[in-house]
Amino acid sequence: MPRPEVLDRIKEAEREATEIVTDAETEHDRRLEEAREEAEQIRADAKAAAAESAEQRLEEAREEIDADREEILEEGRETRERLEAHADERVDEVVNYVVESFEEAVHAQT
């Protein structure tokens, strides 16, 4: 094989090698960018899922608190009603006691 032909083949091989390296670097950069974008999307999805989960847990906690609050208020209403009923039952007894105490005080002064 003549020397000029060998040199041309070497130059062609170098050009092909350079092209292969350039293509590989371009492909590497493209894949790296895709991986970064995918990682960012995964982070964004995870953040959104965490926010949604937190909001759901917060809503469940609020519902539980409201239920507990309503139960406590109902117990308070029932207790108040029992106390009022008991007090109403004793009104006559208390009035008689007060009248008797007043009469005794008046008699004690005379």
Protein backbone atom coordinates (compact mmCIF):
# COMPACT_ATOMS: atom_id res chain seq x y z
CA MET A 1 0.00 0.00 0.00
CA PRO A 2 1.50 3.38 -0.96
CA ARG A 3 2.30 5.88 1.75
CA PRO A 4 -0.25 8.53 0.71
CA GLU A 5 -2.97 5.91 0.89
CA VAL A 6 -1.83 4.82 4.35
CA LEU A 7 -1.83 8.43 5.52
CA ASP A 8 -5.32 8.95 4.11
CA ARG A 9 -6.55 5.83 5.92
CA ILE A 10 -4.93 6.99 9.17
CA LYS A 11 -6.52 10.44 8.79
CA GLU A 12 -9.90 8.84 8.03
CA ALA A 13 -9.54 6.57 11.07
CA GLU A 14 -8.67 9.58 13.25
CA ARG A 15 -11.61 11.54 11.84
CA GLU A 16 -13.91 8.57 12.57
CA ALA A 17 -12.45 8.21 16.08
CA THR A 18 -12.96 11.93 16.71
CA GLU A 19 -16.52 11.67 15.42
CA ILE A 20 -17.18 8.63 17.62
CA VAL A 21 -15.78 10.46 20.67
CA THR A 22 -17.81 13.59 19.84
CA ASP A 23 -20.97 11.53 19.35
CA ALA A 24 -20.29 9.67 22.61
CA GLU A 25 -19.79 12.96 24.48
CA THR A 26 -22.98 14.36 22.97
CA GLU A 27 -24.89 11.21 23.90
CA HIS A 28 -23.36 11.33 27.39
CA ASP A 29 -24.44 14.96 27.83
CA ARG A 30 -27.94 14.17 26.52
CA ARG A 31 -28.36 11.20 28.87
CA LEU A 32 -26.98 13.19 31.79
CA GLU A 33 -29.49 15.98 31.10
CA GLU A 34 -32.32 13.43 30.83
CA ALA A 35 -31.25 11.89 34.13
CA ARG A 36 -31.20 15.33 35.78
CA GLU A 37 -34.65 16.13 34.42
CA GLU A 38 -35.97 12.77 35.56
CA ALA A 39 -34.46 13.24 39.02
CA GLU A 40 -36.02 16.71 39.24
CA GLN A 41 -39.39 15.28 38.21
CA ILE A 42 -39.07 12.54 40.82
CA ARG A 43 -38.25 15.16 43.48
CA ALA A 44 -41.19 17.31 42.39
CA ASP A 45 -43.54 14.31 42.43
CA ALA A 46 -42.27 13.24 45.85
CA LYS A 47 -42.69 16.77 47.20
CA ALA A 48 -46.23 16.98 45.83
CA ALA A 49 -47.08 13.55 47.25
CA ALA A 50 -45.66 14.53 50.64
CA ALA A 51 -47.65 17.78 50.64
CA GLU A 52 -50.81 15.92 49.68
CA SER A 53 -50.20 13.31 52.37
CA ALA A 54 -49.55 16.01 54.97
CA GLU A 55 -52.72 17.85 53.96
CA GLN A 56 -54.72 14.63 54.18
CA ARG A 57 -53.30 13.82 57.63
CA LEU A 58 -54.02 17.38 58.75
CA GLU A 59 -57.61 17.11 57.51
CA GLU A 60 -58.03 13.77 59.29
CA ALA A 61 -56.65 15.29 62.49
CA ARG A 62 -59.05 18.24 62.17
CA GLU A 63 -61.98 15.87 61.70
CA GLU A 64 -60.91 13.86 64.74
CA ILE A 65 -60.53 17.03 66.82
CA ASP A 66 -63.97 18.23 65.69
CA ALA A 67 -65.49 14.87 66.63
CA ASP A 68 -63.77 14.95 70.05
CA ARG A 69 -64.87 18.56 70.55
CA GLU A 70 -68.47 17.70 69.70
CA GLU A 71 -68.38 14.74 72.08
CA ILE A 72 -67.02 16.92 74.89
CA LEU A 73 -69.65 19.59 74.22
CA GLU A 74 -72.40 16.98 74.24
CA GLU A 75 -71.15 15.59 77.55
CA GLY A 76 -71.12 19.16 78.92
CA ARG A 77 -74.70 19.75 77.74
CA GLU A 78 -75.85 16.51 79.35
CA THR A 79 -74.09 17.38 82.62
CA ARG A 80 -75.61 20.89 82.58
CA GLU A 81 -79.09 19.45 81.96
CA ARG A 82 -78.68 16.97 84.85
CA LEU A 83 -77.48 19.72 87.16
CA GLU A 84 -80.33 22.02 86.12
CA ALA A 85 -82.86 19.24 86.65
CA HIS A 86 -81.38 18.45 90.05
CA ALA A 87 -81.41 22.15 90.95
CA ASP A 88 -85.04 22.48 89.78
CA GLU A 89 -85.99 19.52 91.96
CA ARG A 90 -84.46 21.23 95.00
CA VAL A 91 -85.99 24.69 94.50
CA ASP A 92 -88.92 24.03 96.81
CA GLU A 93 -86.61 22.49 99.41
CA VAL A 94 -84.25 25.48 99.28
CA VAL A 95 -87.13 28.00 99.43
CA ASN A 96 -88.53 26.23 102.50
CA TYR A 97 -85.09 26.19 104.11
CA VAL A 98 -84.57 29.90 103.45
CA VAL A 99 -88.06 30.77 104.75
CA GLU A 100 -87.51 28.66 107.89
CA SER A 101 -84.09 30.21 108.47
CA PHE A 102 -85.57 33.67 108.05
CA GLU A 103 -88.43 32.90 110.43
CA GLU A 104 -85.98 31.53 113.01
CA ALA A 105 -83.86 34.65 112.69
CA VAL A 106 -86.92 36.88 113.10
CA HIS A 107 -88.11 34.89 116.15
CA ALA A 108 -84.66 34.99 117.67
CA GLN A 109 -84.69 38.79 117.53
CA THR A 110 -88.07 39.16 119.22
